[in-house]
């Protein structure tokens, strides 16, 4: 069997070497891009965790655990780092209607990737993140040519918990039903990022609760002083009330005695006037 001869290129290398070199270069570029992306995600996570502020409901809670659970993030006991995939094919969206896909994310630093497409016609598509603090537009709702090519996107979830709502809006269409195919992948953060995030969130949470505790200590001291003052005033008023009650009893007793005596005197006045005017009955 004849051996295939490799044709050298202008640099003295063989064509097969070029193919190997190109594949190697592509692999290196992909690896470099992946490393840059991982670094950007880690930095974005660090920035989000460094600006972490416990929500008002967590600070108002009488149970200490919800805040601690948010600071802790996902448990590492059974953590495997596997992504969660949500997908469906050819979901009908009726004319003048809207279809939402809500996804709850509890791990800060999760990376969300989506790919959506439609059959034959376009549709309005948008993504929002709903948190206790309010609603954030991740992708402003707008009509997309998802029937021509898939619409893709990728973003990082910083503050959690949040509900991501992927909205497919066909309310503008009066005549056509749309069919939507979507795939949404939520990849949790790497374990090392979870560990770093915990510490950053813990430090920020500690700053907030320490400041809050200091303010509460001041308010507590003020409230305690006010309580002492009011208790003293109440005791003073109670003593005055007791004295007033005694005086009232004396006055009431005198009033009752005087009322009887007045009755006696009135009868005497009436009888005396009658005697003076009409005389005495035993007189002739």
Protein backbone atom coordinates (compact mmCIF):
# COMPACT_ATOMS: atom_id res chain seq x y z
CA UNK A 1 0.00 0.00 0.00
CA UNK A 2 1.39 3.38 -0.95
CA UNK A 3 2.12 5.76 1.89
CA UNK A 4 0.40 9.15 1.68
CA UNK A 5 2.94 11.94 1.37
CA UNK A 6 2.39 15.09 3.37
CA UNK A 7 2.78 18.32 1.46
CA UNK A 8 5.00 20.86 3.19
CA UNK A 9 3.72 24.42 3.47
CA UNK A 10 5.69 27.58 2.87
CA UNK A 11 7.21 27.46 6.36
CA UNK A 12 8.57 23.97 5.96
CA UNK A 13 5.83 22.47 8.11
CA UNK A 14 3.43 19.82 6.90
CA UNK A 15 -0.27 20.35 6.21
CA UNK A 16 -1.12 17.93 9.02
CA UNK A 17 0.92 20.08 11.38
CA UNK A 18 -1.20 23.12 10.39
CA UNK A 19 -4.40 21.28 11.28
CA UNK A 20 -3.00 20.23 14.62
CA UNK A 21 -1.71 23.72 15.31
CA UNK A 22 -5.08 25.30 14.41
CA UNK A 23 -7.00 22.89 16.64
CA UNK A 24 -4.56 23.51 19.43
CA UNK A 25 -4.90 27.28 18.99
CA UNK A 26 -8.71 27.08 19.02
CA UNK A 27 -8.56 25.00 22.17
CA UNK A 28 -6.24 27.48 23.83
CA UNK A 29 -8.50 30.38 22.84
CA UNK A 30 -11.55 28.63 24.27
CA UNK A 31 -9.69 27.86 27.46
CA UNK A 32 -8.50 31.46 27.73
CA UNK A 33 -12.02 32.78 27.12
CA UNK A 34 -13.44 30.38 29.69
CA UNK A 35 -10.85 31.53 32.21
CA UNK A 36 -11.63 35.20 31.51
CA UNK A 37 -15.34 34.53 31.87
CA UNK A 38 -14.82 32.64 35.13
CA UNK A 39 -12.70 35.50 36.42
CA UNK A 40 -15.34 38.07 35.41
CA UNK A 41 -18.05 36.02 37.13
CA UNK A 42 -15.96 35.74 40.27
CA UNK A 43 -15.34 39.50 40.28
CA UNK A 44 -19.03 40.24 39.69
CA UNK A 45 -19.96 37.87 42.53
CA UNK A 46 -17.42 39.51 44.80
CA UNK A 47 -18.82 42.94 43.96
CA UNK A 48 -22.41 41.79 44.60
CA UNK A 49 -21.51 40.09 47.87
CA UNK A 50 -19.43 43.07 49.01
CA UNK A 51 -22.47 45.33 48.57
CA UNK A 52 -24.85 42.86 50.23
CA UNK A 53 -27.47 44.40 52.51
CA UNK A 54 -30.03 42.25 54.40
CA UNK A 55 -33.58 42.99 53.29
CA UNK A 56 -35.96 44.93 55.59
CA UNK A 57 -38.06 41.82 56.20
CA UNK A 58 -35.00 39.87 57.37
CA UNK A 59 -34.00 42.68 59.72
CA UNK A 60 -37.57 42.94 61.01
CA UNK A 61 -37.91 39.19 61.58
CA UNK A 62 -38.03 37.97 65.19
CA UNK A 63 -36.39 34.73 64.03
CA UNK A 64 -32.58 35.04 63.60
CA UNK A 65 -32.31 32.11 61.19
CA UNK A 66 -33.63 33.59 57.88
CA UNK A 67 -30.86 36.21 57.77
CA UNK A 68 -28.21 33.63 58.66
CA UNK A 69 -29.56 31.27 56.00
CA UNK A 70 -29.27 34.01 53.36
CA UNK A 71 -25.71 34.77 54.41
CA UNK A 72 -24.80 31.06 54.38
CA UNK A 73 -26.15 30.53 50.86
CA UNK A 74 -26.37 26.99 49.48
CA UNK A 75 -25.20 24.16 51.70
CA UNK A 76 -21.94 22.51 50.71
CA UNK A 77 -22.87 19.19 52.32
CA UNK A 78 -24.37 17.70 49.16
CA UNK A 79 -23.24 20.40 46.75
CA UNK A 80 -22.38 19.05 43.30
CA UNK A 81 -22.38 22.21 41.20
CA UNK A 82 -24.63 20.66 38.55
CA UNK A 83 -26.75 23.09 36.54
CA UNK A 84 -30.55 23.04 36.61
CA UNK A 85 -32.17 22.98 33.18
CA UNK A 86 -35.71 24.19 32.44
CA UNK A 87 -36.94 23.53 28.93
CA UNK A 88 -40.04 23.01 26.86
CA UNK A 89 -40.81 22.71 23.18
CA UNK A 90 -43.53 24.33 21.08
CA UNK A 91 -45.49 25.80 23.98
CA UNK A 92 -48.55 27.60 22.56
CA UNK A 93 -49.03 31.26 23.42
CA UNK A 94 -52.52 32.34 22.42
CA UNK A 95 -53.21 35.58 20.57
CA UNK A 96 -53.64 38.56 22.90
CA UNK A 97 -52.02 36.47 25.67
CA UNK A 98 -48.82 36.19 27.64
CA UNK A 99 -46.80 33.22 28.91
CA UNK A 100 -44.40 33.48 31.85
CA UNK A 101 -41.74 31.04 33.03
CA UNK A 102 -40.83 31.83 36.67
CA UNK A 103 -37.60 30.40 38.07
CA UNK A 104 -36.57 30.87 41.68
CA UNK A 105 -32.84 31.35 42.30
CA UNK A 106 -31.49 31.03 45.84
CA UNK A 107 -27.74 30.83 45.21
CA UNK A 108 -26.07 34.18 44.63
CA UNK A 109 -23.52 34.04 41.82
CA UNK A 110 -25.56 31.63 39.71
CA UNK A 111 -25.07 32.02 35.96
CA UNK A 112 -28.24 31.92 33.86
CA UNK A 113 -28.16 31.09 30.16
CA UNK A 114 -31.19 31.02 27.91
CA UNK A 115 -32.03 30.15 24.33
CA UNK A 116 -35.49 30.76 22.94
CA UNK A 117 -37.05 30.33 19.53
CA UNK A 118 -40.50 30.43 17.93
CA UNK A 119 -42.16 28.73 14.99
CA UNK A 120 -42.93 30.91 11.96
CA UNK A 121 -43.57 34.23 13.75
CA UNK A 122 -41.86 36.67 16.10
CA UNK A 123 -42.79 37.33 19.73
CA UNK A 124 -42.03 39.87 22.45
CA UNK A 125 -39.54 38.54 24.97
CA UNK A 126 -38.15 39.93 28.22
CA UNK A 127 -36.62 38.90 31.54
CA UNK A 128 -37.20 40.46 34.97
CA UNK A 129 -35.76 39.72 38.40
CA UNK A 130 -38.28 40.10 41.23
CA UNK A 131 -36.95 40.69 44.73
CA UNK A 132 -38.36 42.08 47.93
CA UNK A 133 -36.73 45.42 47.13
CA UNK A 134 -38.49 45.62 43.77
CA UNK A 135 -38.33 44.47 40.14
CA UNK A 136 -35.23 44.75 37.94
CA UNK A 137 -35.31 44.51 34.16
CA UNK A 138 -32.67 42.01 33.11
CA UNK A 139 -33.79 42.20 29.48
CA UNK A 140 -36.31 44.82 28.44
CA UNK A 141 -39.33 43.23 26.78
CA UNK A 142 -39.24 43.74 23.02
CA UNK A 143 -40.26 41.91 19.87
CA UNK A 144 -37.54 39.54 18.65
CA UNK A 145 -37.09 37.63 15.40
CA UNK A 146 -36.87 34.34 17.24
CA UNK A 147 -38.48 32.58 14.27
CA UNK A 148 -35.43 33.42 12.15
CA UNK A 149 -32.71 32.49 14.64
CA UNK A 150 -32.61 31.56 18.34
CA UNK A 151 -32.35 34.40 20.83
CA UNK A 152 -29.67 33.71 23.43
CA UNK A 153 -28.40 35.44 26.53
CA UNK A 154 -26.33 34.98 29.63
CA UNK A 155 -26.26 36.87 32.91
CA UNK A 156 -25.17 36.60 36.53
CA UNK A 157 -27.61 36.60 39.45
CA UNK A 158 -26.20 38.68 42.29
CA UNK A 159 -28.75 39.37 45.02
CA UNK A 160 -30.87 36.45 46.15
CA UNK A 161 -33.44 35.16 46.72
CA UNK A 162 -35.10 36.32 43.54
CA UNK A 163 -37.63 35.10 41.04
CA UNK A 164 -36.54 35.31 37.42
CA UNK A 165 -39.52 35.70 35.12
CA UNK A 166 -39.01 34.90 31.43
CA UNK A 167 -41.95 36.50 29.64
CA UNK A 168 -43.24 35.62 26.20
CA UNK A 169 -45.70 38.33 25.24
CA UNK A 170 -48.12 37.85 22.36
CA UNK A 171 -50.63 40.47 23.49
CA UNK A 172 -49.90 42.63 20.45
CA UNK A 173 -51.07 39.91 18.05
CA UNK A 174 -54.75 39.88 17.09
CA UNK A 175 -54.60 36.96 14.69
CA UNK A 176 -51.81 34.46 15.37
CA UNK A 177 -50.97 32.01 18.10
CA UNK A 178 -47.23 31.59 18.66
CA UNK A 179 -45.31 28.46 19.63
CA UNK A 180 -42.34 28.93 21.91
CA UNK A 181 -39.37 26.65 22.55
CA UNK A 182 -37.05 27.56 25.39
CA UNK A 183 -34.11 26.20 27.31
CA UNK A 184 -32.97 27.93 30.48
CA UNK A 185 -29.89 26.73 32.34
CA UNK A 186 -29.06 27.89 35.87
CA UNK A 187 -25.50 27.02 36.85
CA UNK A 188 -24.70 27.45 40.55
CA UNK A 189 -21.47 29.19 41.56
CA UNK A 190 -18.26 27.30 42.11
CA UNK A 191 -17.61 26.08 45.62
CA UNK A 192 -14.67 28.46 46.08
CA UNK A 193 -16.90 31.39 45.11
CA UNK A 194 -19.58 30.25 47.55
CA UNK A 195 -16.99 30.18 50.34
CA UNK A 196 -15.69 33.66 49.46
CA UNK A 197 -19.24 35.00 49.07
CA UNK A 198 -20.24 33.74 52.51
CA UNK A 199 -17.43 35.63 54.15
CA UNK A 200 -18.15 38.84 52.27
CA UNK A 201 -21.87 38.66 53.03
CA UNK A 202 -21.15 37.79 56.66
CA UNK A 203 -18.93 40.87 57.04
CA UNK A 204 -21.51 43.16 55.43
CA UNK A 205 -24.34 41.62 57.45
CA UNK A 206 -22.28 41.99 60.63
CA UNK A 207 -21.76 45.70 59.88
CA UNK A 208 -25.50 46.19 59.35
CA UNK A 209 -26.71 44.23 62.39
CA UNK A 210 -24.00 45.74 64.61
CA UNK A 211 -25.06 49.25 63.62
CA UNK A 212 -28.70 48.28 64.03
CA UNK A 213 -27.97 46.77 67.44
CA UNK A 214 -26.18 49.95 68.55
CA UNK A 215 -29.15 52.05 67.48
CA UNK A 216 -31.46 49.62 69.28
CA UNK A 217 -29.32 49.88 72.44
CA UNK A 218 -29.72 53.66 72.36
CA UNK A 219 -33.45 53.39 71.75
CA UNK A 220 -33.71 50.76 74.48
CA UNK A 221 -31.95 53.03 76.98
CA UNK A 222 -34.26 55.91 76.03
CA UNK A 223 -37.33 53.68 76.33
CA UNK A 224 -36.16 52.34 79.70
CA UNK A 225 -35.69 55.90 81.03
CA UNK A 226 -39.09 56.93 79.73
CA UNK A 227 -40.64 53.87 81.35
CA UNK A 228 -39.03 54.71 84.71
CA UNK A 229 -40.22 58.31 84.49
CA UNK A 230 -43.73 57.28 83.53
CA UNK A 231 -43.87 54.67 86.29
CA UNK A 232 -42.84 57.36 88.81
CA UNK A 233 -45.50 59.70 87.43
CA UNK A 234 -48.10 56.93 87.58
CA UNK A 235 -47.22 56.18 91.21
CA UNK A 236 -47.44 59.87 92.04
CA UNK A 237 -50.78 60.12 90.29
CA UNK A 238 -52.03 56.97 92.02
CA UNK A 239 -51.08 58.48 95.39
CA UNK A 240 -52.83 61.71 94.47
CA UNK A 241 -55.87 59.71 93.38
CA UNK A 242 -55.98 57.88 96.70
CA UNK A 243 -55.81 61.21 98.52
CA UNK A 244 -58.50 62.61 96.29
CA UNK A 245 -60.66 59.57 96.99
CA UNK A 246 -60.33 60.14 100.72
CA UNK A 247 -61.23 63.78 100.27
CA UNK A 248 -64.16 62.70 98.12
CA UNK A 249 -65.40 60.38 100.82
CA UNK A 250 -65.22 63.17 103.39
CA UNK A 251 -67.00 65.61 101.11
CA UNK A 252 -69.63 63.00 100.16
CA UNK A 253 -70.31 62.24 103.81
CA UNK A 254 -70.65 65.94 104.60
CA UNK A 255 -72.89 66.42 101.57
CA UNK A 256 -75.21 63.61 102.71
CA UNK A 257 -75.35 65.00 106.29
CA UNK A 258 -76.01 68.50 105.01
CA UNK A 259 -78.73 67.23 102.73
CA UNK A 260 -80.57 65.69 105.69
CA UNK A 261 -80.01 68.78 107.81
CA UNK A 262 -81.29 71.00 105.00
CA UNK A 263 -84.43 68.92 104.86
CA UNK A 264 -84.91 69.40 108.60
CA UNK A 265 -84.32 73.11 108.34
CA UNK A 266 -86.67 73.49 105.39
CA UNK A 267 -89.45 71.75 107.32
CA UNK A 268 -88.74 74.00 110.30
CA UNK A 269 -88.79 77.15 108.12
CA UNK A 270 -92.07 76.12 106.52
CA UNK A 271 -93.68 75.31 109.88
CA UNK A 272 -92.53 78.51 111.50
CA UNK A 273 -93.78 80.69 108.63
CA UNK A 274 -97.15 78.92 108.79
CA UNK A 275 -97.39 79.52 112.53
CA UNK A 276 -96.51 83.18 112.17
CA UNK A 277 -99.02 83.69 109.40
CA UNK A 278 -101.88 81.48 110.50
CA UNK A 279 -101.25 81.21 114.19
CA UNK A 280 -101.13 78.13 116.31
CA UNK A 281 -103.89 75.53 116.21
CA UNK A 282 -104.31 75.49 119.97
CA UNK A 283 -104.94 79.19 120.06
CA UNK A 284 -108.55 80.46 119.98
